[in-house]
N, C-alpha and C. Protein backbone atom coordinates (compact mmCIF):
# COMPACT_ATOMS: atom_id res chain seq x y z
N MET A 1 13.70 -15.80 -12.07
CA MET A 1 12.40 -15.96 -12.26
C MET A 1 12.15 -17.07 -13.39
N THR A 2 11.32 -17.96 -13.04
CA THR A 2 10.80 -18.87 -14.21
C THR A 2 10.01 -18.35 -15.28
N GLY A 3 9.79 -19.10 -16.34
CA GLY A 3 9.16 -18.59 -17.55
C GLY A 3 7.71 -18.40 -17.09
N TYR A 4 7.09 -19.34 -16.26
CA TYR A 4 5.77 -19.22 -15.71
C TYR A 4 5.50 -17.84 -15.05
N GLY A 5 6.52 -17.53 -14.20
CA GLY A 5 6.37 -16.34 -13.31
C GLY A 5 6.17 -15.05 -14.43
N LEU A 6 7.18 -15.01 -15.45
CA LEU A 6 7.12 -14.13 -16.27
C LEU A 6 5.83 -13.93 -17.11
N ARG A 7 5.36 -15.06 -17.58
CA ARG A 7 3.98 -15.16 -18.21
C ARG A 7 2.76 -14.68 -17.31
N ASN A 8 2.89 -15.08 -15.96
CA ASN A 8 1.89 -14.76 -15.01
C ASN A 8 1.97 -13.19 -14.91
N TYR A 9 3.07 -12.57 -14.85
CA TYR A 9 3.12 -11.01 -14.76
C TYR A 9 2.45 -10.43 -15.98
N ALA A 10 2.79 -11.08 -17.20
CA ALA A 10 2.38 -10.26 -18.21
C ALA A 10 0.98 -10.57 -18.42
N GLU A 11 0.18 -11.69 -18.12
CA GLU A 11 -1.26 -11.74 -18.09
C GLU A 11 -1.85 -10.75 -17.04
N LEU A 12 -1.21 -10.44 -15.84
CA LEU A 12 -1.66 -9.58 -14.98
C LEU A 12 -1.81 -8.28 -15.52
N ASP A 13 -0.74 -7.88 -16.26
CA ASP A 13 -0.67 -6.57 -16.80
C ASP A 13 -1.71 -6.29 -17.91
N VAL A 14 -2.04 -7.34 -18.56
CA VAL A 14 -2.99 -7.35 -19.70
C VAL A 14 -4.43 -7.08 -19.10
N GLN A 15 -4.56 -7.84 -17.99
CA GLN A 15 -6.01 -7.74 -17.25
C GLN A 15 -6.17 -6.27 -16.62
N ARG A 16 -4.91 -5.85 -16.17
CA ARG A 16 -4.99 -4.48 -15.56
C ARG A 16 -5.18 -3.53 -16.69
N TYR A 17 -4.57 -3.54 -17.77
CA TYR A 17 -4.92 -2.66 -19.03
C TYR A 17 -6.33 -2.67 -19.44
N LYS A 18 -6.96 -3.84 -19.61
CA LYS A 18 -8.13 -4.06 -20.01
C LYS A 18 -9.18 -3.52 -18.94
N ARG A 19 -8.77 -3.78 -17.82
CA ARG A 19 -9.90 -3.23 -16.71
C ARG A 19 -9.89 -1.76 -16.49
N ILE A 20 -8.79 -1.05 -17.04
CA ILE A 20 -8.66 0.38 -16.81
C ILE A 20 -9.21 1.05 -18.18
N PHE A 21 -8.76 0.57 -19.29
CA PHE A 21 -8.82 1.16 -20.58
C PHE A 21 -10.05 0.43 -21.54
N GLY A 22 -10.55 -0.69 -21.05
CA GLY A 22 -11.55 -1.58 -21.82
C GLY A 22 -11.09 -2.50 -22.88
N ASN A 23 -11.84 -3.15 -23.46
CA ASN A 23 -11.28 -4.30 -24.36
C ASN A 23 -11.10 -3.73 -25.71
N VAL A 24 -11.70 -2.64 -26.12
CA VAL A 24 -11.82 -2.09 -27.59
C VAL A 24 -11.13 -0.79 -27.47
N MET A 25 -10.30 -0.65 -28.72
CA MET A 25 -9.67 0.66 -28.93
C MET A 25 -10.77 1.46 -29.57
N LYS A 26 -10.51 2.81 -29.29
CA LYS A 26 -11.39 3.92 -29.69
C LYS A 26 -11.16 4.22 -31.20
N ALA A 27 -9.76 4.29 -31.48
CA ALA A 27 -9.42 4.71 -32.78
C ALA A 27 -9.79 3.57 -33.90
N CYS A 28 -9.75 3.97 -35.13
CA CYS A 28 -10.11 3.11 -36.20
C CYS A 28 -8.90 2.75 -37.09
N ALA A 29 -8.27 3.90 -37.32
CA ALA A 29 -7.00 3.62 -38.27
C ALA A 29 -5.76 3.18 -37.48
N LEU A 30 -4.93 2.46 -38.09
CA LEU A 30 -3.76 1.81 -37.49
C LEU A 30 -2.90 2.69 -36.75
N ALA A 31 -2.71 3.71 -37.49
CA ALA A 31 -1.53 4.82 -36.93
C ALA A 31 -2.23 5.49 -35.49
N GLN A 32 -3.59 5.62 -35.47
CA GLN A 32 -4.16 6.20 -34.49
C GLN A 32 -4.20 5.22 -33.33
N GLN A 33 -4.48 3.79 -33.60
CA GLN A 33 -4.24 2.83 -32.66
C GLN A 33 -3.02 2.59 -32.08
N LYS A 34 -2.02 2.77 -32.77
CA LYS A 34 -0.61 2.62 -32.18
C LYS A 34 -0.41 3.72 -31.28
N THR A 35 -0.82 4.97 -31.68
CA THR A 35 -0.80 6.08 -30.79
C THR A 35 -1.43 6.01 -29.42
N GLU A 36 -2.62 5.52 -29.55
CA GLU A 36 -3.51 5.21 -28.45
C GLU A 36 -3.03 4.27 -27.54
N ALA A 37 -2.36 3.02 -28.16
CA ALA A 37 -1.86 1.95 -27.34
C ALA A 37 -0.49 2.50 -26.68
N TRP A 38 0.28 3.34 -27.33
CA TRP A 38 1.53 3.91 -26.62
C TRP A 38 1.12 4.64 -25.42
N ILE A 39 0.15 5.47 -25.58
CA ILE A 39 -0.39 6.54 -24.57
C ILE A 39 -0.74 5.72 -23.44
N SER A 40 -1.60 4.89 -23.71
CA SER A 40 -2.35 4.12 -22.73
C SER A 40 -1.36 3.20 -21.90
N ALA A 41 -0.29 2.64 -22.60
CA ALA A 41 0.43 1.89 -21.82
C ALA A 41 1.66 2.65 -21.07
N SER A 42 1.84 3.84 -21.54
CA SER A 42 2.78 5.03 -20.77
C SER A 42 2.03 5.36 -19.48
N VAL A 43 0.53 5.59 -19.51
CA VAL A 43 0.06 6.02 -18.36
C VAL A 43 -0.21 4.67 -17.37
N LEU A 44 -0.35 3.65 -17.99
CA LEU A 44 -0.35 2.35 -17.07
C LEU A 44 1.01 2.14 -16.37
N ASN A 45 2.11 2.39 -17.08
CA ASN A 45 3.44 2.19 -16.50
C ASN A 45 3.49 3.14 -15.40
N ARG A 46 3.18 4.43 -15.61
CA ARG A 46 3.24 5.54 -14.70
C ARG A 46 2.63 5.36 -13.39
N VAL A 47 1.15 4.82 -13.60
CA VAL A 47 0.41 4.59 -12.41
C VAL A 47 0.86 3.30 -11.70
N THR A 48 1.30 2.24 -12.34
CA THR A 48 1.98 1.09 -11.81
C THR A 48 3.21 1.50 -10.88
N LYS A 49 4.07 2.22 -11.57
CA LYS A 49 5.23 2.84 -10.78
C LYS A 49 4.88 3.49 -9.47
N LEU A 50 4.01 4.26 -9.39
CA LEU A 50 3.50 5.13 -8.35
C LEU A 50 2.77 4.19 -7.43
N GLY A 51 2.42 3.08 -7.64
CA GLY A 51 1.64 2.28 -6.79
C GLY A 51 2.45 1.19 -6.06
N ARG A 52 3.65 0.74 -6.72
CA ARG A 52 4.24 -0.30 -6.31
C ARG A 52 5.24 0.23 -5.00
N ALA A 53 5.25 -0.81 -4.09
CA ALA A 53 6.15 -0.57 -2.82
C ALA A 53 7.47 -0.72 -3.09
N GLU A 54 8.38 -0.02 -2.57
CA GLU A 54 9.96 -0.15 -3.06
C GLU A 54 10.36 -1.52 -2.08
N LYS A 55 11.22 -2.22 -2.57
CA LYS A 55 11.70 -3.49 -2.02
C LYS A 55 13.04 -2.91 -1.04
N LEU A 56 12.90 -3.39 0.16
CA LEU A 56 14.23 -3.03 0.97
C LEU A 56 14.60 -4.15 1.61
N LYS A 57 15.91 -4.33 1.39
CA LYS A 57 16.77 -5.70 2.20
C LYS A 57 16.98 -5.40 3.52
N LEU A 58 16.45 -6.09 4.37
CA LEU A 58 16.55 -5.82 5.77
C LEU A 58 17.64 -6.74 6.46
N LYS A 59 18.47 -6.33 7.30
CA LYS A 59 19.34 -7.24 7.93
C LYS A 59 18.97 -7.60 9.49
N LEU A 60 18.72 -8.56 9.53
CA LEU A 60 18.10 -9.25 10.95
C LEU A 60 19.42 -9.03 11.92
N MET A 61 19.05 -8.28 12.94
CA MET A 61 19.90 -8.17 14.03
C MET A 61 19.72 -8.94 15.16
N ARG A 62 20.70 -9.63 15.65
CA ARG A 62 20.60 -10.48 16.98
C ARG A 62 20.66 -9.82 18.14
N MET A 63 19.87 -9.84 18.99
CA MET A 63 19.77 -9.22 20.46
C MET A 63 20.70 -10.03 21.39
N VAL A 64 21.72 -9.39 21.84
CA VAL A 64 22.60 -9.90 22.74
C VAL A 64 22.21 -9.52 24.18
N PRO A 65 22.12 -10.43 25.05
CA PRO A 65 21.82 -9.85 26.46
C PRO A 65 22.92 -9.29 27.03
């Protein structure tokens, strides 16, 4: 995968994060912000993992008459 493809995935993940959790953190102190970010990232990873389809490698079979 190219650098552009990785950057595109990262941007999509940030957009997904903001859409679900909003643009602003609720906590004021840095320690609580770190905890909030960790929890929300864990939730986002779990939801993303549940929603992704598994990739299967299929072998094409040739029909012989």
